PDB file of N, CA and C in Angstrom:
ATOM      1  N   MET A   1      42.971  28.522  51.941  1.00  0.00           N
ATOM      2  CA  MET A   1      42.006  29.111  51.033  1.00  0.00           C
ATOM      3  C   MET A   1      40.655  28.432  51.213  1.00  0.00           C
ATOM      4  N   THR A   2      39.590  29.214  51.203  1.00  0.00           N
ATOM      5  CA  THR A   2      38.246  28.671  51.274  1.00  0.00           C
ATOM      6  C   THR A   2      37.709  28.549  49.855  1.00  0.00           C
ATOM      7  N   TYR A   3      37.681  27.341  49.346  1.00  0.00           N
ATOM      8  CA  TYR A   3      37.244  27.114  47.971  1.00  0.00           C
ATOM      9  C   TYR A   3      35.789  27.482  47.768  1.00  0.00           C
ATOM     10  N   SER A   4      34.974  27.307  48.794  1.00  0.00           N
ATOM     11  CA  SER A   4      33.535  27.586  48.678  1.00  0.00           C
ATOM     12  C   SER A   4      33.260  29.016  48.230  1.00  0.00           C
ATOM     13  N   ASN A   5      34.112  29.943  48.613  1.00  0.00           N
ATOM     14  CA  ASN A   5      33.914  31.345  48.242  1.00  0.00           C
ATOM     15  C   ASN A   5      34.062  31.576  46.747  1.00  0.00           C
ATOM     16  N   HIS A   6      34.704  30.653  46.033  1.00  0.00           N
ATOM     17  CA  HIS A   6      34.944  30.802  44.601  1.00  0.00           C
ATOM     18  C   HIS A   6      33.885  30.106  43.738  1.00  0.00           C
ATOM     19  N   ILE A   7      32.978  29.360  44.371  1.00  0.00           N
ATOM     20  CA  ILE A   7      31.944  28.653  43.618  1.00  0.00           C
ATOM     21  C   ILE A   7      30.955  29.654  43.049  1.00  0.00           C
ATOM     22  N   ILE A   8      30.679  29.523  41.741  1.00  0.00           N
ATOM     23  CA  ILE A   8      29.670  30.387  41.134  1.00  0.00           C
ATOM     24  C   ILE A   8      28.528  29.578  40.522  1.00  0.00           C
ATOM     25  N   GLY A   9      28.620  28.255  40.594  1.00  0.00           N
ATOM     26  CA  GLY A   9      27.554  27.402  40.092  1.00  0.00           C
ATOM     27  C   GLY A   9      27.856  25.948  40.411  1.00  0.00           C
ATOM     28  N   ALA A  10      26.842  25.130  40.353  1.00  0.00           N
ATOM     29  CA  ALA A  10      27.021  23.690  40.576  1.00  0.00           C
ATOM     30  C   ALA A  10      25.888  22.956  39.866  1.00  0.00           C
ATOM     31  N   ALA A  11      26.160  21.722  39.521  1.00  0.00           N
ATOM     32  CA  ALA A  11      25.132  20.880  38.901  1.00  0.00           C
ATOM     33  C   ALA A  11      25.300  19.461  39.414  1.00  0.00           C
ATOM     34  N   ILE A  12      24.187  18.810  39.622  1.00  0.00           N
ATOM     35  CA  ILE A  12      24.178  17.427  40.076  1.00  0.00           C
ATOM     36  C   ILE A  12      23.679  16.568  38.917  1.00  0.00           C
ATOM     37  N   PHE A  13      24.391  15.484  38.636  1.00  0.00           N
ATOM     38  CA  PHE A  13      24.027  14.532  37.592  1.00  0.00           C
ATOM     39  C   PHE A  13      23.871  13.165  38.240  1.00  0.00           C
ATOM     40  N   ASP A  14      22.925  12.369  37.745  1.00  0.00           N
ATOM     41  CA  ASP A  14      22.820  11.012  38.262  1.00  0.00           C
ATOM     42  C   ASP A  14      23.988  10.183  37.718  1.00  0.00           C
ATOM     43  N   LEU A  15      24.094   8.950  38.143  1.00  0.00           N
ATOM     44  CA  LEU A  15      25.236   8.121  37.736  1.00  0.00           C
ATOM     45  C   LEU A  15      25.200   7.726  36.266  1.00  0.00           C
ATOM     46  N   ASN A  16      24.068   7.997  35.586  1.00  0.00           N
ATOM     47  CA  ASN A  16      23.994   7.795  34.138  1.00  0.00           C
ATOM     48  C   ASN A  16      24.437   9.048  33.378  1.00  0.00           C
ATOM     49  N   GLY A  17      24.740  10.116  34.118  1.00  0.00           N
ATOM     50  CA  GLY A  17      25.186  11.353  33.497  1.00  0.00           C
ATOM     51  C   GLY A  17      24.068  12.309  33.130  1.00  0.00           C
ATOM     52  N   LEU A  18      22.861  12.055  33.618  1.00  0.00           N
ATOM     53  CA  LEU A  18      21.731  12.939  33.317  1.00  0.00           C
ATOM     54  C   LEU A  18      21.607  14.021  34.387  1.00  0.00           C
ATOM     55  N   PRO A  19      21.415  15.282  33.973  1.00  0.00           N
ATOM     56  CA  PRO A  19      21.324  16.379  34.948  1.00  0.00           C
ATOM     57  C   PRO A  19      20.073  16.262  35.812  1.00  0.00           C
ATOM     58  N   LYS A  20      20.245  16.532  37.110  1.00  0.00           N
ATOM     59  CA  LYS A  20      19.135  16.469  38.052  1.00  0.00           C
ATOM     60  C   LYS A  20      18.800  17.831  38.653  1.00  0.00           C
ATOM     61  N   GLU A  21      19.820  18.607  38.977  1.00  0.00           N
ATOM     62  CA  GLU A  21      19.592  19.852  39.699  1.00  0.00           C
ATOM     63  C   GLU A  21      20.751  20.816  39.412  1.00  0.00           C
ATOM     64  N   TYR A  22      20.422  22.107  39.310  1.00  0.00           N
ATOM     65  CA  TYR A  22      21.433  23.141  39.075  1.00  0.00           C
ATOM     66  C   TYR A  22      21.370  24.157  40.201  1.00  0.00           C
ATOM     67  N   PHE A  23      22.519  24.698  40.541  1.00  0.00           N
ATOM     68  CA  PHE A  23      22.619  25.801  41.481  1.00  0.00           C
ATOM     69  C   PHE A  23      23.297  26.945  40.731  1.00  0.00           C
ATOM     70  N   THR A  24      22.657  28.095  40.688  1.00  0.00           N
ATOM     71  CA  THR A  24      23.219  29.230  39.956  1.00  0.00           C
ATOM     72  C   THR A  24      23.358  30.439  40.871  1.00  0.00           C
ATOM     73  N   THR A  25      24.243  31.335  40.472  1.00  0.00           N
ATOM     74  CA  THR A  25      24.386  32.634  41.132  1.00  0.00           C
ATOM     75  C   THR A  25      24.130  33.690  40.067  1.00  0.00           C
ATOM     76  N   ASN A  26      24.130  34.924  40.469  1.00  0.00           N
ATOM     77  CA  ASN A  26      23.991  36.006  39.492  1.00  0.00           C
ATOM     78  C   ASN A  26      25.140  35.966  38.493  1.00  0.00           C
ATOM     79  N   GLU A  27      26.288  35.472  38.933  1.00  0.00           N
ATOM     80  CA  GLU A  27      27.467  35.383  38.089  1.00  0.00           C
ATOM     81  C   GLU A  27      27.381  34.238  37.075  1.00  0.00           C
ATOM     82  N   SER A  28      26.530  33.256  37.358  1.00  0.00           N
ATOM     83  CA  SER A  28      26.444  32.081  36.482  1.00  0.00           C
ATOM     84  C   SER A  28      25.011  31.761  36.083  1.00  0.00           C
ATOM     85  N   SER A  29      24.189  32.766  35.864  1.00  0.00           N
ATOM     86  CA  SER A  29      22.780  32.506  35.549  1.00  0.00           C
ATOM     87  C   SER A  29      22.615  31.804  34.208  1.00  0.00           C
ATOM     88  N   ASP A  30      23.589  31.926  33.314  1.00  0.00           N
ATOM     89  CA  ASP A  30      23.581  31.200  32.042  1.00  0.00           C
ATOM     90  C   ASP A  30      24.119  29.795  32.313  1.00  0.00           C
ATOM     91  N   VAL A  31      23.296  28.788  32.124  1.00  0.00           N
ATOM     92  CA  VAL A  31      23.711  27.421  32.464  1.00  0.00           C
ATOM     93  C   VAL A  31      24.215  26.633  31.248  1.00  0.00           C
ATOM     94  N   ASN A  32      24.683  27.319  30.225  1.00  0.00           N
ATOM     95  CA  ASN A  32      25.243  26.621  29.059  1.00  0.00           C
ATOM     96  C   ASN A  32      26.423  25.739  29.425  1.00  0.00           C
ATOM     97  N   TRP A  33      27.135  26.076  30.480  1.00  0.00           N
ATOM     98  CA  TRP A  33      28.270  25.265  30.909  1.00  0.00           C
ATOM     99  C   TRP A  33      27.827  23.856  31.303  1.00  0.00           C
ATOM    100  N   VAL A  34      26.574  23.710  31.731  1.00  0.00           N
ATOM    101  CA  VAL A  34      26.070  22.388  32.128  1.00  0.00           C
ATOM    102  C   VAL A  34      26.029  21.459  30.912  1.00  0.00           C
ATOM    103  N   GLN A  35      25.736  21.994  29.728  1.00  0.00           N
ATOM    104  CA  GLN A  35      25.730  21.194  28.497  1.00  0.00           C
ATOM    105  C   GLN A  35      27.115  20.616  28.235  1.00  0.00           C
ATOM    106  N   THR A  36      28.149  21.404  28.464  1.00  0.00           N
ATOM    107  CA  THR A  36      29.525  20.931  28.271  1.00  0.00           C
ATOM    108  C   THR A  36      29.838  19.787  29.234  1.00  0.00           C
ATOM    109  N   ILE A  37      29.410  19.924  30.470  1.00  0.00           N
ATOM    110  CA  ILE A  37      29.635  18.865  31.462  1.00  0.00           C
ATOM    111  C   ILE A  37      28.861  17.610  31.064  1.00  0.00           C
ATOM    112  N   PHE A  38      27.615  17.789  30.629  1.00  0.00           N
ATOM    113  CA  PHE A  38      26.790  16.664  30.179  1.00  0.00           C
ATOM    114  C   PHE A  38      27.503  15.909  29.053  1.00  0.00           C
ATOM    115  N   GLN A  39      28.055  16.646  28.090  1.00  0.00           N
ATOM    116  CA  GLN A  39      28.782  16.021  26.982  1.00  0.00           C
ATOM    117  C   GLN A  39      30.051  15.325  27.465  1.00  0.00           C
ATOM    118  N   ALA A  40      30.752  15.938  28.403  1.00  0.00           N
ATOM    119  CA  ALA A  40      31.971  15.328  28.950  1.00  0.00           C
ATOM    120  C   ALA A  40      31.647  14.020  29.676  1.00  0.00           C
ATOM    121  N   LEU A  41      30.538  13.999  30.415  1.00  0.00           N
ATOM    122  CA  LEU A  41      30.143  12.762  31.103  1.00  0.00           C
ATOM    123  C   LEU A  41      29.745  11.686  30.099  1.00  0.00           C
ATOM    124  N   GLY A  42      29.086  12.086  29.021  1.00  0.00           N
ATOM    125  CA  GLY A  42      28.733  11.119  27.977  1.00  0.00           C
ATOM    126  C   GLY A  42      29.966  10.538  27.319  1.00  0.00           C
ATOM    127  N   LEU A  43      30.942  11.385  27.027  1.00  0.00           N
ATOM    128  CA  LEU A  43      32.198  10.924  26.442  1.00  0.00           C
ATOM    129  C   LEU A  43      32.947  10.020  27.406  1.00  0.00           C
ATOM    130  N   GLN A  44      32.977  10.410  28.661  1.00  0.00           N
ATOM    131  CA  GLN A  44      33.626   9.602  29.684  1.00  0.00           C
ATOM    132  C   GLN A  44      32.995   8.212  29.758  1.00  0.00           C
ATOM    133  N   SER A  45      31.675   8.155  29.731  1.00  0.00           N
ATOM    134  CA  SER A  45      30.961   6.887  29.784  1.00  0.00           C
ATOM    135  C   SER A  45      31.283   6.019  28.564  1.00  0.00           C
ATOM    136  N   LEU A  46      31.298   6.637  27.405  1.00  0.00           N
ATOM    137  CA  LEU A  46      31.621   5.918  26.177  1.00  0.00           C
ATOM    138  C   LEU A  46      33.041   5.366  26.217  1.00  0.00           C
ATOM    139  N   LEU A  47      33.981   6.184  26.638  1.00  0.00           N
ATOM    140  CA  LEU A  47      35.378   5.738  26.709  1.00  0.00           C
ATOM    141  C   LEU A  47      35.573   4.626  27.742  1.00  0.00           C
ATOM    142  N   LEU A  48      34.930   4.776  28.894  1.00  0.00           N
ATOM    143  CA  LEU A  48      35.066   3.752  29.926  1.00  0.00           C
ATOM    144  C   LEU A  48      34.522   2.410  29.459  1.00  0.00           C
ATOM    145  N   SER A  49      33.378   2.430  28.758  1.00  0.00           N
ATOM    146  CA  SER A  49      32.781   1.171  28.329  1.00  0.00           C
ATOM    147  C   SER A  49      33.526   0.564  27.143  1.00  0.00           C
ATOM    148  N   SER A  50      33.951   1.381  26.193  1.00  0.00           N
ATOM    149  CA  SER A  50      34.614   0.817  25.012  1.00  0.00           C
ATOM    150  C   SER A  50      36.066   0.440  25.280  1.00  0.00           C
ATOM    151  N   LEU A  51      36.725   1.146  26.177  1.00  0.00           N
ATOM    152  CA  LEU A  51      38.124   0.819  26.492  1.00  0.00           C
ATOM    153  C   LEU A  51      38.247  -0.005  27.761  1.00  0.00           C
ATOM    154  N   GLN A  52      37.128  -0.285  28.391  1.00  0.00           N
ATOM    155  CA  GLN A  52      37.068  -1.051  29.630  1.00  0.00           C
ATOM    156  C   GLN A  52      38.022  -0.483  30.679  1.00  0.00           C
ATOM    157  N   LEU A  53      37.937   0.822  30.856  1.00  0.00           N
ATOM    158  CA  LEU A  53      38.743   1.505  31.862  1.00  0.00           C
ATOM    159  C   LEU A  53      37.931   1.643  33.137  1.00  0.00           C
ATOM    160  N   GLU A  54      38.609   1.752  34.248  1.00  0.00           N
ATOM    161  CA  GLU A  54      37.935   1.959  35.522  1.00  0.00           C
ATOM    162  C   GLU A  54      38.663   3.041  36.299  1.00  0.00           C
ATOM    163  N   GLY A  55      38.027   3.542  37.332  1.00  0.00           N
ATOM    164  CA  GLY A  55      38.695   4.437  38.245  1.00  0.00           C
ATOM    165  C   GLY A  55      38.539   5.917  37.971  1.00  0.00           C
ATOM    166  N   PHE A  56      37.442   6.328  37.349  1.00  0.00           N
ATOM    167  CA  PHE A  56      37.211   7.756  37.142  1.00  0.00           C
ATOM    168  C   PHE A  56      37.162   8.457  38.489  1.00  0.00           C
ATOM    169  N   ARG A  57      38.027   9.452  38.699  1.00  0.00           N
ATOM    170  CA  ARG A  57      38.034  10.235  39.946  1.00  0.00           C
ATOM    171  C   ARG A  57      37.452  11.613  39.729  1.00  0.00           C
ATOM    172  N   TYR A  58      38.001  12.308  38.751  1.00  0.00           N
ATOM    173  CA  TYR A  58      37.536  13.659  38.483  1.00  0.00           C
ATOM    174  C   TYR A  58      38.019  14.097  37.110  1.00  0.00           C
ATOM    175  N   VAL A  59      37.413  15.167  36.628  1.00  0.00           N
ATOM    176  CA  VAL A  59      37.841  15.804  35.388  1.00  0.00           C
ATOM    177  C   VAL A  59      37.687  17.311  35.590  1.00  0.00           C
ATOM    178  N   VAL A  60      38.609  18.062  35.013  1.00  0.00           N
ATOM    179  CA  VAL A  60      38.526  19.515  35.063  1.00  0.00           C
ATOM    180  C   VAL A  60      38.253  20.012  33.648  1.00  0.00           C
ATOM    181  N   VAL A  61      37.212  20.823  33.501  1.00  0.00           N
ATOM    182  CA  VAL A  61      36.845  21.401  32.213  1.00  0.00           C
ATOM    183  C   VAL A  61      37.212  22.886  32.275  1.00  0.00           C
ATOM    184  N   HIS A  62      38.074  23.313  31.362  1.00  0.00           N
ATOM    185  CA  HIS A  62      38.563  24.693  31.353  1.00  0.00           C
ATOM    186  C   HIS A  62      37.761  25.535  30.375  1.00  0.00           C
ATOM    187  N   GLY A  63      37.307  26.674  30.847  1.00  0.00           N
ATOM    188  CA  GLY A  63      36.643  27.652  29.994  1.00  0.00           C
ATOM    189  C   GLY A  63      37.452  28.932  29.967  1.00  0.00           C
ATOM    190  N   ARG A  64      36.964  29.910  29.241  1.00  0.00           N
ATOM    191  CA  ARG A  64      37.686  31.186  29.150  1.00  0.00           C
ATOM    192  C   ARG A  64      37.764  31.895  30.494  1.00  0.00           C
ATOM    193  N   GLU A  65      36.639  31.955  31.188  1.00  0.00           N
ATOM    194  CA  GLU A  65      36.583  32.708  32.438  1.00  0.00           C
ATOM    195  C   GLU A  65      36.380  31.834  33.661  1.00  0.00           C
ATOM    196  N   CYS A  66      36.006  30.591  33.441  1.00  0.00           N
ATOM    197  CA  CYS A  66      35.678  29.695  34.552  1.00  0.00           C
ATOM    198  C   CYS A  66      36.285  28.322  34.328  1.00  0.00           C
ATOM    199  N   ARG A  67      36.279  27.551  35.375  1.00  0.00           N
ATOM    200  CA  ARG A  67      36.649  26.138  35.313  1.00  0.00           C
ATOM    201  C   ARG A  67      35.600  25.353  36.080  1.00  0.00           C
ATOM    202  N   ALA A  68      35.393  24.137  35.652  1.00  0.00           N
ATOM    203  CA  ALA A  68      34.475  23.260  36.376  1.00  0.00           C
ATOM    204  C   ALA A  68      35.225  21.978  36.704  1.00  0.00           C
ATOM    205  N   ILE A  69      34.999  21.481  37.889  1.00  0.00           N
ATOM    206  CA  ILE A  69      35.535  20.174  38.252  1.00  0.00           C
ATOM    207  C   ILE A  69      34.335  19.254  38.411  1.00  0.00           C
ATOM    208  N   VAL A  70      34.443  18.069  37.831  1.00  0.00           N
ATOM    209  CA  VAL A  70      33.382  17.075  37.918  1.00  0.00           C
ATOM    210  C   VAL A  70      33.930  15.926  38.747  1.00  0.00           C
ATOM    211  N   ILE A  71      33.254  15.627  39.833  1.00  0.00           N
ATOM    212  CA  ILE A  71      33.685  14.608  40.785  1.00  0.00           C
ATOM    213  C   ILE A  71      32.635  13.500  40.830  1.00  0.00           C
ATOM    214  N   LYS A  72      33.085  12.266  40.808  1.00  0.00           N
ATOM    215  CA  LYS A  72      32.151  11.157  41.019  1.00  0.00           C
ATOM    216  C   LYS A  72      32.029  10.946  42.518  1.00  0.00           C
ATOM    217  N   GLN A  73      30.796  11.102  43.011  1.00  0.00           N
ATOM    218  CA  GLN A  73      30.522  10.856  44.417  1.00  0.00           C
ATOM    219  C   GLN A  73      29.744   9.556  44.539  1.00  0.00           C
ATOM    220  N   LYS A  74      29.327   9.187  45.736  1.00  0.00           N
ATOM    221  CA  LYS A  74      28.678   7.888  45.950  1.00  0.00           C
ATOM    222  C   LYS A  74      27.463   7.659  45.063  1.00  0.00           C
ATOM    223  N   SER A  75      26.565   8.645  45.000  1.00  0.00           N
ATOM    224  CA  SER A  75      25.311   8.418  44.281  1.00  0.00           C
ATOM    225  C   SER A  75      25.096   9.376  43.116  1.00  0.00           C
ATOM    226  N   CYS A  76      26.130  10.139  42.763  1.00  0.00           N
ATOM    227  CA  CYS A  76      25.949  11.108  41.687  1.00  0.00           C
ATOM    228  C   CYS A  76      27.302  11.626  41.204  1.00  0.00           C
ATOM    229  N   TYR A  77      27.238  12.413  40.146  1.00  0.00           N
ATOM    230  CA  TYR A  77      28.376  13.226  39.725  1.00  0.00           C
ATOM    231  C   TYR A  77      28.038  14.652  40.131  1.00  0.00           C
ATOM    232  N   THR A  78      29.006  15.354  40.677  1.00  0.00           N
ATOM    233  CA  THR A  78      28.823  16.746  41.039  1.00  0.00           C
ATOM    234  C   THR A  78      29.787  17.591  40.220  1.00  0.00           C
ATOM    235  N   ALA A  79      29.248  18.590  39.557  1.00  0.00           N
ATOM    236  CA  ALA A  79      30.063  19.544  38.809  1.00  0.00           C
ATOM    237  C   ALA A  79      30.025  20.862  39.561  1.00  0.00           C
ATOM    238  N   ILE A  80      31.191  21.413  39.830  1.00  0.00           N
ATOM    239  CA  ILE A  80      31.299  22.672  40.568  1.00  0.00           C
ATOM    240  C   ILE A  80      31.987  23.692  39.665  1.00  0.00           C
ATOM    241  N   LEU A  81      31.325  24.804  39.431  1.00  0.00           N
ATOM    242  CA  LEU A  81      31.845  25.853  38.560  1.00  0.00           C
ATOM    243  C   LEU A  81      32.537  26.920  39.408  1.00  0.00           C
ATOM    244  N   PHE A  82      33.753  27.286  38.997  1.00  0.00           N
ATOM    245  CA  PHE A  82      34.568  28.259  39.725  1.00  0.00           C
ATOM    246  C   PHE A  82      35.024  29.369  38.810  1.00  0.00           C
ATOM    247  N   ARG A  83      35.272  30.525  39.407  1.00  0.00           N
ATOM    248  CA  ARG A  83      36.062  31.532  38.712  1.00  0.00           C
ATOM    249  C   ARG A  83      37.435  30.910  38.514  1.00  0.00           C
ATOM    250  N   GLN A  84      38.213  31.425  37.601  1.00  0.00           N
ATOM    251  CA  GLN A  84      39.553  30.891  37.358  1.00  0.00           C
ATOM    252  C   GLN A  84      40.379  30.958  38.638  1.00  0.00           C
ATOM    253  N   VAL A  85      40.732  29.821  39.178  1.00  0.00           N
ATOM    254  CA  VAL A  85      41.658  29.726  40.315  1.00  0.00           C
ATOM    255  C   VAL A  85      42.689  28.667  39.975  1.00  0.00           C
ATOM    256  N   SER A  86      43.923  28.939  40.301  1.00  0.00           N
ATOM    257  CA  SER A  86      45.006  28.046  39.887  1.00  0.00           C
ATOM    258  C   SER A  86      44.999  26.713  40.621  1.00  0.00           C
ATOM    259  N   GLU A  87      44.359  26.647  41.777  1.00  0.00           N
ATOM    260  CA  GLU A  87      44.408  25.432  42.588  1.00  0.00           C
ATOM    261  C   GLU A  87      43.456  24.331  42.140  1.00  0.00           C
ATOM    262  N   VAL A  88      42.702  24.552  41.069  1.00  0.00           N
ATOM    263  CA  VAL A  88      41.643  23.613  40.702  1.00  0.00           C
ATOM    264  C   VAL A  88      42.141  22.185  40.517  1.00  0.00           C
ATOM    265  N   ALA A  89      43.341  21.989  40.072  1.00  0.00           N
ATOM    266  CA  ALA A  89      43.812  20.621  39.864  1.00  0.00           C
ATOM    267  C   ALA A  89      44.740  20.144  40.983  1.00  0.00           C
ATOM    268  N   SER A  90      44.905  20.921  42.051  1.00  0.00           N
ATOM    269  CA  SER A  90      45.784  20.487  43.130  1.00  0.00           C
ATOM    270  C   SER A  90      45.149  19.325  43.890  1.00  0.00           C
ATOM    271  N   GLU A  91      45.970  18.522  44.500  1.00  0.00           N
ATOM    272  CA  GLU A  91      45.488  17.355  45.245  1.00  0.00           C
ATOM    273  C   GLU A  91      44.587  17.780  46.410  1.00  0.00           C
ATOM    274  N   MET A  92      44.946  18.877  47.069  1.00  0.00           N
ATOM    275  CA  MET A  92      44.153  19.371  48.187  1.00  0.00           C
ATOM    276  C   MET A  92      42.762  19.822  47.712  1.00  0.00           C
ATOM    277  N   PHE A  93      42.712  20.467  46.556  1.00  0.00           N
ATOM    278  CA  PHE A  93      41.442  20.908  45.997  1.00  0.00           C
ATOM    279  C   PHE A  93      40.571  19.711  45.626  1.00  0.00           C
ATOM    280  N   VAL A  94      41.163  18.715  44.989  1.00  0.00           N
ATOM    281  CA  VAL A  94      40.403  17.522  44.586  1.00  0.00           C
ATOM    282  C   VAL A  94      39.825  16.835  45.814  1.00  0.00           C
ATOM    283  N   LYS A  95      40.604  16.724  46.874  1.00  0.00           N
ATOM    284  CA  LYS A  95      40.110  16.111  48.117  1.00  0.00           C
ATOM    285  C   LYS A  95      38.925  16.907  48.665  1.00  0.00           C
ATOM    286  N   TRP A  96      39.044  18.240  48.662  1.00  0.00           N
ATOM    287  CA  TRP A  96      37.942  19.089  49.118  1.00  0.00           C
ATOM    288  C   TRP A  96      36.699  18.839  48.257  1.00  0.00           C
ATOM    289  N   ALA A  97      36.869  18.805  46.945  1.00  0.00           N
ATOM    290  CA  ALA A  97      35.739  18.624  46.025  1.00  0.00           C
ATOM    291  C   ALA A  97      35.071  17.268  46.224  1.00  0.00           C
ATOM    292  N   GLN A  98      35.843  16.232  46.501  1.00  0.00           N
ATOM    293  CA  GLN A  98      35.266  14.905  46.710  1.00  0.00           C
ATOM    294  C   GLN A  98      34.382  14.873  47.949  1.00  0.00           C
ATOM    295  N   GLU A  99      34.690  15.694  48.920  1.00  0.00           N
ATOM    296  CA  GLU A  99      33.926  15.720  50.167  1.00  0.00           C
ATOM    297  C   GLU A  99      32.842  16.799  50.167  1.00  0.00           C
ATOM    298  N   PHE A 100      32.798  17.614  49.124  1.00  0.00           N
ATOM    299  CA  PHE A 100      31.845  18.718  49.056  1.00  0.00           C
ATOM    300  C   PHE A 100      30.415  18.193  48.997  1.00  0.00           C
ATOM    301  N   GLU A 101      29.535  18.809  49.776  1.00  0.00           N
ATOM    302  CA  GLU A 101      28.117  18.475  49.785  1.00  0.00           C
ATOM    303  C   GLU A 101      27.345  19.545  49.028  1.00  0.00           C
ATOM    304  N   PRO A 102      26.922  19.270  47.800  1.00  0.00           N
ATOM    305  CA  PRO A 102      26.211  20.293  47.032  1.00  0.00           C
ATOM    306  C   PRO A 102      24.922  20.766  47.701  1.00  0.00           C
ATOM    307  N   ALA A 103      24.331  19.940  48.533  1.00  0.00           N
ATOM    308  CA  ALA A 103      23.099  20.339  49.235  1.00  0.00           C
ATOM    309  C   ALA A 103      23.346  21.553  50.124  1.00  0.00           C
ATOM    310  N   SER A 104      24.596  21.773  50.519  1.00  0.00           N
ATOM    311  CA  SER A 104      24.919  22.929  51.357  1.00  0.00           C
ATOM    312  C   SER A 104      24.642  24.249  50.623  1.00  0.00           C
ATOM    313  N   LEU A 105      24.590  24.216  49.295  1.00  0.00           N
ATOM    314  CA  LEU A 105      24.324  25.432  48.529  1.00  0.00           C
ATOM    315  C   LEU A 105      22.875  25.890  48.667  1.00  0.00           C
ATOM    316  N   ARG A 106      21.986  24.977  49.052  1.00  0.00           N
ATOM    317  CA  ARG A 106      20.567  25.345  49.227  1.00  0.00           C
ATOM    318  C   ARG A 106      20.402  26.414  50.306  1.00  0.00           C
ATOM    319  N   SER A 107      21.256  26.370  51.318  1.00  0.00           N
ATOM    320  CA  SER A 107      21.123  27.334  52.414  1.00  0.00           C
ATOM    321  C   SER A 107      22.008  28.570  52.217  1.00  0.00           C
ATOM    322  N   ASP A 108      22.727  28.636  51.098  1.00  0.00           N
ATOM    323  CA  ASP A 108      23.586  29.784  50.795  1.00  0.00           C
ATOM    324  C   ASP A 108      22.767  30.784  49.982  1.00  0.00           C
ATOM    325  N   SER A 109      22.630  31.993  50.483  1.00  0.00           N
ATOM    326  CA  SER A 109      21.774  32.986  49.841  1.00  0.00           C
ATOM    327  C   SER A 109      22.269  33.421  48.454  1.00  0.00           C
ATOM    328  N   ARG A 110      23.509  33.110  48.103  1.00  0.00           N
ATOM    329  CA  ARG A 110      24.015  33.462  46.770  1.00  0.00           C
ATOM    330  C   ARG A 110      23.428  32.578  45.680  1.00  0.00           C
ATOM    331  N   PHE A 111      22.896  31.406  46.030  1.00  0.00           N
ATOM    332  CA  PHE A 111      22.496  30.410  45.051  1.00  0.00           C
ATOM    333  C   PHE A 111      20.987  30.279  44.914  1.00  0.00           C
ATOM    334  N   LYS A 112      20.579  30.038  43.662  1.00  0.00           N
ATOM    335  CA  LYS A 112      19.198  29.689  43.339  1.00  0.00           C
ATOM    336  C   LYS A 112      19.226  28.251  42.836  1.00  0.00           C
ATOM    337  N   VAL A 113      18.206  27.491  43.166  1.00  0.00           N
ATOM    338  CA  VAL A 113      18.097  26.113  42.683  1.00  0.00           C
ATOM    339  C   VAL A 113      17.203  26.116  41.465  1.00  0.00           C
ATOM    340  N   ILE A 114      17.686  25.476  40.396  1.00  0.00           N
ATOM    341  CA  ILE A 114      16.904  25.361  39.152  1.00  0.00           C
ATOM    342  C   ILE A 114      16.526  23.907  38.971  1.00  0.00           C
TER     343      ILE A 114
END
């Protein structure tokens, strides 16, 4: 399966959890989902610091029609919005998401950068 074909939006956050850049399609022009990711990253940060936990790999946020996976990469957090696909939490999908380069969406005609 080509996961890239299911992407309908993406957002880049700095390591403090602040949004830096959004990629939208006609299917995801409403970026309210980014607020949910922002809140999830804030909660994650609070829990990690107060419980002294380490090792955040990813989180999946489920919506009615879409799912987002948030991956910690070297210099940022990347949130990728998908249509509902069952593989979102599979190990193979997570590995793909960890290696995904959001900059590749700049050259994809389906996406607009906000």
